[in-house]
């Protein structure tokens, strides 16, 4: 059982390095995003995209953008679910190998865009977003 868990973890890391979103255990990122959470807020789902994170809580979406070569500079983008007006998924094509998740926030005409390599996990992220907004 432990061996299978380690293999799945390695596969998730490899998938993340290739630009694919891989779902990660919420316990793994508590130390990183925990200080951003308010008292009763809980992480419900999280995805790793290369170095960046897409974190769902019970009330908002947190986009973690690690910048620079070392990734020490980090931007935390907090989006309350109530401010998301709509979102879209653009799948990869034959020549365009990247898929995109676009999120529009009230008051902004341009969407926040996250790129994914040609992978099916963009639909898992979209599903988590839809479930979170529907609450």
Protein backbone atom coordinates (compact mmCIF):
# COMPACT_ATOMS: atom_id res chain seq x y z
CA UNK A 1 0.00 0.00 0.00
CA UNK A 2 2.79 2.46 0.92
CA UNK A 3 4.68 1.56 -2.28
CA UNK A 4 1.58 2.31 -4.39
CA UNK A 5 1.16 5.67 -2.64
CA UNK A 6 4.82 6.55 -3.35
CA UNK A 7 4.46 5.58 -7.02
CA UNK A 8 1.32 7.73 -7.35
CA UNK A 9 3.16 10.63 -5.67
CA UNK A 10 6.09 10.30 -8.10
CA UNK A 11 3.68 10.16 -11.05
CA UNK A 12 1.97 13.31 -9.75
CA UNK A 13 5.30 15.13 -9.47
CA UNK A 14 6.27 14.07 -13.01
CA UNK A 15 2.87 15.13 -14.32
CA UNK A 16 3.26 18.51 -12.59
CA UNK A 17 6.72 19.01 -14.11
CA UNK A 18 5.26 18.42 -17.56
CA UNK A 19 2.72 21.22 -17.01
CA UNK A 20 -0.21 18.96 -16.21
CA UNK A 21 -2.39 19.76 -13.25
CA UNK A 22 -2.18 17.06 -10.65
CA UNK A 23 -4.42 16.87 -7.62
CA UNK A 24 -2.45 16.92 -4.40
CA UNK A 25 -3.30 16.07 -0.82
CA UNK A 26 -4.52 19.18 0.98
CA UNK A 27 -2.32 18.28 3.99
CA UNK A 28 0.78 18.78 1.79
CA UNK A 29 0.07 22.48 1.31
CA UNK A 30 -1.34 23.45 4.70
CA UNK A 31 2.01 24.86 5.82
CA UNK A 32 2.30 26.94 2.65
CA UNK A 33 -1.20 28.45 2.47
CA UNK A 34 -2.31 27.95 6.08
CA UNK A 35 -1.19 31.44 7.16
CA UNK A 36 -3.51 32.93 4.49
CA UNK A 37 -6.63 31.22 5.82
CA UNK A 38 -9.08 32.85 8.19
CA UNK A 39 -10.03 31.01 11.41
CA UNK A 40 -12.80 28.70 10.17
CA UNK A 41 -11.61 28.43 6.56
CA UNK A 42 -10.62 24.99 5.31
CA UNK A 43 -8.81 23.76 2.20
CA UNK A 44 -11.16 21.48 0.25
CA UNK A 45 -9.10 20.63 -2.86
CA UNK A 46 -5.74 21.54 -4.37
CA UNK A 47 -3.95 21.11 -7.69
CA UNK A 48 -0.29 21.57 -8.55
CA UNK A 49 0.63 23.03 -11.93
CA UNK A 50 4.41 22.87 -12.36
CA UNK A 51 5.36 25.09 -9.38
CA UNK A 52 2.07 26.95 -9.06
CA UNK A 53 -0.93 25.87 -7.00
CA UNK A 54 -4.67 26.16 -7.47
CA UNK A 55 -6.23 25.92 -4.01
CA UNK A 56 -9.94 25.65 -3.24
CA UNK A 57 -11.23 26.51 0.21
CA UNK A 58 -14.76 26.53 1.52
CA UNK A 59 -15.11 30.21 0.50
CA UNK A 60 -12.52 31.19 -2.09
CA UNK A 61 -10.02 30.22 -4.74
CA UNK A 62 -6.35 30.90 -4.03
CA UNK A 63 -3.95 30.98 -6.98
CA UNK A 64 -0.33 30.59 -5.88
CA UNK A 65 2.12 31.89 -8.49
CA UNK A 66 5.77 31.10 -7.73
CA UNK A 67 7.98 33.48 -9.65
CA UNK A 68 11.62 33.65 -10.64
CA UNK A 69 14.22 30.93 -10.91
CA UNK A 70 14.14 29.96 -7.25
CA UNK A 71 10.41 30.42 -6.74
CA UNK A 72 11.00 32.38 -3.53
CA UNK A 73 8.93 35.31 -4.75
CA UNK A 74 5.30 34.23 -4.51
CA UNK A 75 2.08 35.96 -5.47
CA UNK A 76 -1.07 34.78 -3.71
CA UNK A 77 -4.19 35.72 -5.65
CA UNK A 78 -7.34 35.36 -3.55
CA UNK A 79 -10.68 35.19 -5.36
CA UNK A 80 -13.89 34.93 -3.35
CA UNK A 81 -16.26 32.54 -5.13
CA UNK A 82 -19.04 35.14 -5.03
CA UNK A 83 -16.97 37.48 -7.24
CA UNK A 84 -16.48 34.95 -10.05
CA UNK A 85 -18.94 35.90 -12.78
CA UNK A 86 -18.12 33.06 -15.18
CA UNK A 87 -15.34 30.78 -16.33
CA UNK A 88 -14.35 28.88 -19.46
CA UNK A 89 -12.23 25.88 -20.43
CA UNK A 90 -10.43 25.90 -23.76
CA UNK A 91 -9.18 22.46 -24.70
CA UNK A 92 -5.94 21.71 -26.53
CA UNK A 93 -6.02 21.12 -30.26
CA UNK A 94 -3.77 19.42 -32.79
CA UNK A 95 -1.42 22.35 -33.27
CA UNK A 96 -2.11 24.23 -30.03
CA UNK A 97 -1.03 21.80 -27.32
CA UNK A 98 -2.07 23.96 -24.38
CA UNK A 99 -5.45 24.01 -22.68
CA UNK A 100 -6.60 27.07 -20.74
CA UNK A 101 -8.84 27.83 -17.80
CA UNK A 102 -10.18 31.39 -17.87
CA UNK A 103 -11.89 32.98 -14.87
CA UNK A 104 -13.73 36.30 -15.03
CA UNK A 105 -14.11 38.36 -11.87
CA UNK A 106 -16.72 41.08 -11.38
CA UNK A 107 -15.28 44.48 -12.17
CA UNK A 108 -12.60 43.12 -14.54
CA UNK A 109 -13.10 42.77 -18.28
CA UNK A 110 -10.05 40.53 -18.77
CA UNK A 111 -10.01 37.00 -17.39
CA UNK A 112 -7.39 35.39 -15.19
CA UNK A 113 -5.87 32.66 -17.35
CA UNK A 114 -4.09 29.47 -16.29
CA UNK A 115 -2.39 27.33 -18.93
CA UNK A 116 -2.36 23.56 -18.81
CA UNK A 117 -0.50 21.20 -21.07
CA UNK A 118 -2.65 18.87 -23.12
CA UNK A 119 -4.20 16.91 -20.28
CA UNK A 120 -7.58 15.89 -18.98
CA UNK A 121 -7.04 17.23 -15.44
CA UNK A 122 -8.20 20.67 -16.56
CA UNK A 123 -11.69 19.16 -16.37
CA UNK A 124 -11.08 18.15 -12.74
CA UNK A 125 -10.09 21.73 -11.91
CA UNK A 126 -13.15 23.01 -13.79
CA UNK A 127 -15.38 20.57 -11.92
CA UNK A 128 -13.97 21.70 -8.55
CA UNK A 129 -14.57 25.32 -9.56
CA UNK A 130 -18.15 24.60 -10.65
CA UNK A 131 -18.88 22.71 -7.43
CA UNK A 132 -17.41 25.51 -5.33
CA UNK A 133 -19.40 28.25 -7.05
CA UNK A 134 -22.64 26.26 -6.87
CA UNK A 135 -22.53 26.13 -3.05
